[in-house]
């Protein structure tokens, strides 16, 4: 009994430590969360001399969860939606054949975490450019023995649908010089049902994907600056060279977007380097 209490206390403290660690580093390499699963970091990038990366998976739920890990291949459209594909396409090179990971199945009791190792292999034969696949973490459905299922008195047949979620993170290999540049074009302000949005195009040119965060500031006619929108983790994956953006603005109280200007800034997610800017005068 004492051991059970000790283990429960230790696991609780350990998870709190993991969550605190996630929080402290989130600004540099954010976590990804869905359901009761936390994943850190939310992207794996191989470039330079690094051949091994580690992912931390943590279960914040009250029940033991099982996750099967595999690769899934995606192509991004202009709206940022990911569509499943079965093979490489022109301008889109897959990374899955040059990456291995262990374990392939993770069982996580409540309040516990586990490391998944991701390793780059045979990269010396790769041509310069970017290779991308996605690691897919799929929750295994909890199976209830038939004899344990509730039976209705009228013995009627029923079907109960149980959602089983999955979550994926990009796994990217970069080799050679990154020639990618990005720009923002066609910036406009749109009002819909008393709500304001900015619309614009994020353009990518070069041999690798672009990934970063957006900040929108409104500078009023009396030169007062207001931060009115933030959107983190926006990517334009190869071979796509255009992503159509729509950002909802949080209009400050007693401020009217009359005169002044909007500044849109796109910064690299990890380094915070400014990649592109654009302004719209009202």
Protein backbone atom coordinates (compact mmCIF):
# COMPACT_ATOMS: atom_id res chain seq x y z
CA UNK A 1 0.00 0.00 0.00
CA UNK A 2 2.84 2.37 0.92
CA UNK A 3 4.58 1.53 -2.37
CA UNK A 4 1.41 2.29 -4.35
CA UNK A 5 1.06 5.67 -2.65
CA UNK A 6 4.75 6.39 -3.26
CA UNK A 7 4.54 5.41 -6.95
CA UNK A 8 1.42 7.51 -7.44
CA UNK A 9 3.10 10.50 -5.79
CA UNK A 10 6.31 10.02 -7.80
CA UNK A 11 4.46 9.73 -11.12
CA UNK A 12 2.43 12.84 -10.36
CA UNK A 13 5.56 14.84 -9.52
CA UNK A 14 7.38 13.47 -12.57
CA UNK A 15 4.58 14.45 -14.95
CA UNK A 16 4.41 17.92 -13.41
CA UNK A 17 8.15 18.23 -14.00
CA UNK A 18 7.74 17.15 -17.63
CA UNK A 19 4.88 19.60 -18.16
CA UNK A 20 6.90 22.40 -16.56
CA UNK A 21 9.83 21.57 -18.84
CA UNK A 22 7.49 21.64 -21.85
CA UNK A 23 6.17 25.03 -20.76
CA UNK A 24 9.62 26.56 -20.25
CA UNK A 25 10.86 25.56 -23.71
CA UNK A 26 7.55 26.03 -25.54
CA UNK A 27 8.51 29.40 -26.97
CA UNK A 28 11.51 27.85 -28.73
CA UNK A 29 10.18 24.41 -29.69
CA UNK A 30 6.47 24.15 -28.88
CA UNK A 31 4.74 20.97 -27.81
CA UNK A 32 1.91 19.36 -29.71
CA UNK A 33 -1.14 18.10 -27.87
CA UNK A 34 -4.30 16.25 -28.78
CA UNK A 35 -6.57 14.28 -26.49
CA UNK A 36 -4.43 13.22 -23.53
CA UNK A 37 -1.19 12.95 -25.52
CA UNK A 38 1.56 15.57 -25.40
CA UNK A 39 4.46 15.44 -27.87
CA UNK A 40 7.66 17.47 -27.64
CA UNK A 41 9.05 18.78 -29.91
CA UNK A 42 6.33 19.07 -32.54
CA UNK A 43 8.75 18.86 -35.49
CA UNK A 44 11.81 16.73 -36.21
CA UNK A 45 14.44 18.26 -38.48
CA UNK A 46 17.67 16.59 -39.54
CA UNK A 47 20.27 18.95 -40.92
CA UNK A 48 23.99 19.31 -40.49
CA UNK A 49 25.61 16.68 -38.26
CA UNK A 50 22.66 15.62 -36.11
CA UNK A 51 21.62 12.02 -36.79
CA UNK A 52 19.46 11.24 -33.75
CA UNK A 53 16.52 13.16 -32.32
CA UNK A 54 14.36 12.32 -29.32
CA UNK A 55 10.63 12.80 -28.92
CA UNK A 56 8.97 12.88 -25.51
CA UNK A 57 5.44 11.47 -25.28
CA UNK A 58 3.41 12.13 -22.14
CA UNK A 59 -0.02 10.85 -21.11
CA UNK A 60 -2.00 13.44 -19.14
CA UNK A 61 -5.16 11.30 -18.99
CA UNK A 62 -6.58 9.09 -16.27
CA UNK A 63 -6.39 5.83 -18.24
CA UNK A 64 -3.57 3.84 -19.79
CA UNK A 65 -3.23 4.64 -23.50
CA UNK A 66 -1.57 2.70 -26.31
CA UNK A 67 -0.20 4.46 -29.39
CA UNK A 68 0.97 2.84 -32.62
CA UNK A 69 3.62 4.85 -34.47
CA UNK A 70 4.06 4.78 -38.23
CA UNK A 71 4.79 7.03 -41.19
CA UNK A 72 2.13 8.84 -43.19
CA UNK A 73 2.72 10.89 -46.32
CA UNK A 74 1.06 14.28 -46.86
CA UNK A 75 0.87 16.98 -49.47
CA UNK A 76 -0.23 20.49 -48.48
CA UNK A 77 -2.66 22.54 -50.56
CA UNK A 78 -2.94 26.32 -50.78
CA UNK A 79 -5.29 26.45 -47.77
CA UNK A 80 -2.79 24.63 -45.57
CA UNK A 81 -4.78 21.39 -45.58
CA UNK A 82 -2.80 18.14 -45.61
CA UNK A 83 -3.93 15.50 -48.09
CA UNK A 84 -2.74 11.90 -47.86
CA UNK A 85 -0.62 10.68 -50.79
CA UNK A 86 0.82 7.25 -51.51
CA UNK A 87 4.06 8.09 -53.31
CA UNK A 88 6.52 10.88 -53.95
CA UNK A 89 5.56 13.54 -56.48
CA UNK A 90 7.49 16.04 -58.54
CA UNK A 91 9.16 18.43 -56.11
CA UNK A 92 8.05 16.38 -53.08
CA UNK A 93 10.67 13.93 -51.81
CA UNK A 94 9.82 11.52 -48.98
CA UNK A 95 11.96 11.02 -45.88
CA UNK A 96 10.50 7.77 -44.55
CA UNK A 97 12.99 5.42 -46.28
CA UNK A 98 15.90 7.25 -44.65
CA UNK A 99 14.52 7.42 -41.10
CA UNK A 100 13.87 4.77 -38.49
CA UNK A 101 12.36 5.10 -35.04
CA UNK A 102 12.00 3.02 -31.88
CA UNK A 103 9.74 1.88 -30.34
CA UNK A 104 6.91 1.50 -32.84
CA UNK A 105 4.31 1.01 -30.14
CA UNK A 106 4.08 2.89 -26.85
CA UNK A 107 2.01 2.01 -23.80
CA UNK A 108 1.62 4.98 -21.48
CA UNK A 109 0.04 4.59 -18.04
CA UNK A 110 -1.57 7.74 -16.58
CA UNK A 111 0.86 10.53 -15.69
CA UNK A 112 3.82 8.85 -17.36
CA UNK A 113 6.07 9.69 -20.31
CA UNK A 114 8.38 7.86 -22.70
CA UNK A 115 11.14 8.72 -25.15
CA UNK A 116 10.89 7.77 -28.83
CA UNK A 117 14.21 7.82 -30.68
CA UNK A 118 14.25 8.95 -34.31
CA UNK A 119 17.39 8.22 -36.34
CA UNK A 120 18.62 9.38 -39.73
CA UNK A 121 20.29 6.72 -41.91
CA UNK A 122 21.90 6.43 -45.36
CA UNK A 123 21.81 10.18 -45.82
CA UNK A 124 25.13 10.26 -47.67
CA UNK A 125 23.38 9.02 -50.82
CA UNK A 126 20.75 11.76 -50.79
CA UNK A 127 20.88 14.60 -53.28
CA UNK A 128 20.69 18.17 -52.00
CA UNK A 129 17.21 19.33 -51.10
CA UNK A 130 14.44 18.60 -48.62
CA UNK A 131 12.80 15.27 -47.81
CA UNK A 132 9.63 15.10 -45.70
CA UNK A 133 7.37 12.46 -44.17
CA UNK A 134 5.14 12.61 -41.09
CA UNK A 135 5.34 10.48 -37.96
CA UNK A 136 1.81 9.37 -37.11
CA UNK A 137 0.74 8.53 -33.56
CA UNK A 138 -2.54 6.65 -33.56
CA UNK A 139 -4.39 5.79 -30.37
CA UNK A 140 -5.33 2.13 -30.13
CA UNK A 141 -9.01 1.54 -29.47
CA UNK A 142 -9.83 0.14 -26.07
CA UNK A 143 -11.42 -3.24 -26.55
CA UNK A 144 -14.05 -4.51 -24.13
CA UNK A 145 -14.62 -8.29 -23.89
CA UNK A 146 -17.97 -9.29 -25.34
CA UNK A 147 -19.10 -10.76 -22.03
CA UNK A 148 -18.49 -7.41 -20.34
CA UNK A 149 -20.66 -5.37 -22.70
CA UNK A 150 -23.96 -4.06 -21.41
CA UNK A 151 -27.01 -5.79 -22.81
CA UNK A 152 -30.33 -4.05 -23.23
CA UNK A 153 -33.39 -5.73 -21.78
CA UNK A 154 -35.14 -5.85 -25.14
CA UNK A 155 -32.04 -7.44 -26.72
CA UNK A 156 -32.19 -4.86 -29.51
CA UNK A 157 -29.15 -4.34 -31.71
CA UNK A 158 -27.25 -1.08 -31.39
CA UNK A 159 -24.08 0.42 -32.79
CA UNK A 160 -21.86 2.77 -30.79
CA UNK A 161 -19.22 4.76 -32.63
CA UNK A 162 -16.05 5.49 -30.69
CA UNK A 163 -13.65 8.10 -32.08
CA UNK A 164 -10.02 7.03 -32.30
CA UNK A 165 -7.75 10.02 -32.80
CA UNK A 166 -4.38 10.30 -34.44
CA UNK A 167 -1.79 13.02 -34.42
CA UNK A 168 1.13 13.57 -36.79
CA UNK A 169 4.31 15.65 -36.79
CA UNK A 170 6.56 16.47 -39.75
CA UNK A 171 9.89 14.68 -39.98
CA UNK A 172 12.22 16.58 -42.32
CA UNK A 173 15.67 15.95 -43.78
CA UNK A 174 17.50 18.97 -45.17
CA UNK A 175 20.69 18.59 -47.16
CA UNK A 176 22.69 21.32 -48.83
CA UNK A 177 22.23 25.07 -48.89
CA UNK A 178 18.77 26.40 -48.13
CA UNK A 179 17.83 28.80 -50.94
CA UNK A 180 14.24 29.41 -49.79
CA UNK A 181 12.81 32.90 -49.50
CA UNK A 182 9.28 33.96 -48.55
CA UNK A 183 7.19 37.05 -49.17
CA UNK A 184 3.74 38.40 -48.28
CA UNK A 185 1.49 39.80 -50.99
CA UNK A 186 -2.12 40.91 -51.66
CA UNK A 187 -2.67 42.11 -48.08
CA UNK A 188 -6.20 43.36 -47.45
CA UNK A 189 -8.60 44.09 -44.58
CA UNK A 190 -12.02 42.44 -44.71
CA UNK A 191 -15.00 43.01 -42.40
CA UNK A 192 -17.47 40.14 -42.00
CA UNK A 193 -20.43 40.39 -39.59
CA UNK A 194 -18.69 43.05 -37.48
CA UNK A 195 -15.54 40.91 -37.32
CA UNK A 196 -12.28 41.93 -38.94
CA UNK A 197 -9.83 39.69 -40.78
CA UNK A 198 -6.68 40.27 -42.77
CA UNK A 199 -6.26 38.25 -45.95
CA UNK A 200 -2.96 37.78 -47.73
CA UNK A 201 -0.77 35.34 -49.64
CA UNK A 202 2.34 33.73 -48.19
CA UNK A 203 4.67 33.01 -51.11
CA UNK A 204 7.58 30.54 -51.02
CA UNK A 205 10.44 30.23 -53.49
CA UNK A 206 13.43 27.92 -53.25
CA UNK A 207 14.36 24.33 -52.49
CA UNK A 208 13.00 23.88 -48.95
CA UNK A 209 9.87 24.46 -46.89
CA UNK A 210 9.19 27.59 -44.86
CA UNK A 211 7.81 27.48 -41.33
CA UNK A 212 7.15 30.22 -38.82
CA UNK A 213 4.83 32.47 -36.84
CA UNK A 214 2.70 35.46 -37.78
CA UNK A 215 2.21 38.64 -35.78
CA UNK A 216 -0.16 41.41 -36.87
CA UNK A 217 0.07 44.88 -35.33
CA UNK A 218 -2.20 47.85 -35.87
CA UNK A 219 -0.61 51.31 -35.67
CA UNK A 220 -3.31 53.93 -35.16
CA UNK A 221 -3.26 57.41 -36.70
CA UNK A 222 -1.89 58.79 -33.39
CA UNK A 223 0.99 56.25 -33.60
CA UNK A 224 -0.28 53.88 -30.88
CA UNK A 225 0.72 50.27 -31.50
CA UNK A 226 -1.70 47.36 -30.82
CA UNK A 227 -0.96 43.65 -31.26
CA UNK A 228 -4.16 42.35 -32.88
CA UNK A 229 -3.31 38.82 -34.05
CA UNK A 230 -0.83 36.00 -33.46
CA UNK A 231 -0.70 32.71 -35.34
CA UNK A 232 2.05 30.19 -34.62
CA UNK A 233 3.26 27.19 -36.57
CA UNK A 234 2.41 28.12 -40.16
CA UNK A 235 4.13 26.12 -42.88
CA UNK A 236 4.42 26.16 -46.64
CA UNK A 237 5.68 22.71 -47.55
CA UNK A 238 7.40 21.79 -50.80
CA UNK A 239 6.43 21.60 -53.61
CA UNK A 240 3.79 24.22 -52.80
CA UNK A 241 4.78 27.84 -53.28
CA UNK A 242 1.61 29.59 -52.09
CA UNK A 243 -0.50 29.53 -48.96
CA UNK A 244 -3.62 31.66 -48.73
CA UNK A 245 -3.92 33.12 -45.22
CA UNK A 246 -6.84 34.50 -43.23
CA UNK A 247 -6.15 35.86 -39.74
CA UNK A 248 -8.89 36.95 -37.38
CA UNK A 249 -8.16 40.28 -35.69
CA UNK A 250 -8.81 41.02 -32.03
CA UNK A 251 -9.98 44.61 -32.19
CA UNK A 252 -9.08 46.51 -29.00
CA UNK A 253 -11.94 48.14 -27.13
CA UNK A 254 -12.69 51.72 -28.19
CA UNK A 255 -10.39 51.36 -31.21
CA UNK A 256 -11.67 51.74 -34.74
CA UNK A 257 -9.63 50.60 -37.70
CA UNK A 258 -9.95 54.03 -39.29
CA UNK A 259 -6.70 55.42 -40.59
CA UNK A 260 -3.32 54.15 -39.51
CA UNK A 261 -1.83 50.93 -40.86
CA UNK A 262 -1.38 47.20 -40.32
CA UNK A 263 2.02 45.53 -40.11
CA UNK A 264 2.27 41.77 -40.75
CA UNK A 265 5.48 40.01 -39.72
CA UNK A 266 6.43 36.40 -40.44
CA UNK A 267 9.29 35.07 -38.28
CA UNK A 268 11.08 31.74 -38.29
CA UNK A 269 9.68 29.52 -35.54
CA UNK A 270 12.96 28.47 -33.90
CA UNK A 271 15.36 31.37 -34.48
CA UNK A 272 12.76 34.18 -34.52
CA UNK A 273 14.50 35.56 -37.61
CA UNK A 274 12.22 37.85 -39.62
CA UNK A 275 11.44 36.13 -42.92
CA UNK A 276 8.90 38.52 -44.46
CA UNK A 277 6.96 41.67 -43.69
CA UNK A 278 4.12 43.61 -45.29
CA UNK A 279 2.13 46.75 -44.48
CA UNK A 280 -1.35 47.96 -45.34
CA UNK A 281 -2.24 51.66 -45.02
CA UNK A 282 -5.90 52.47 -44.34
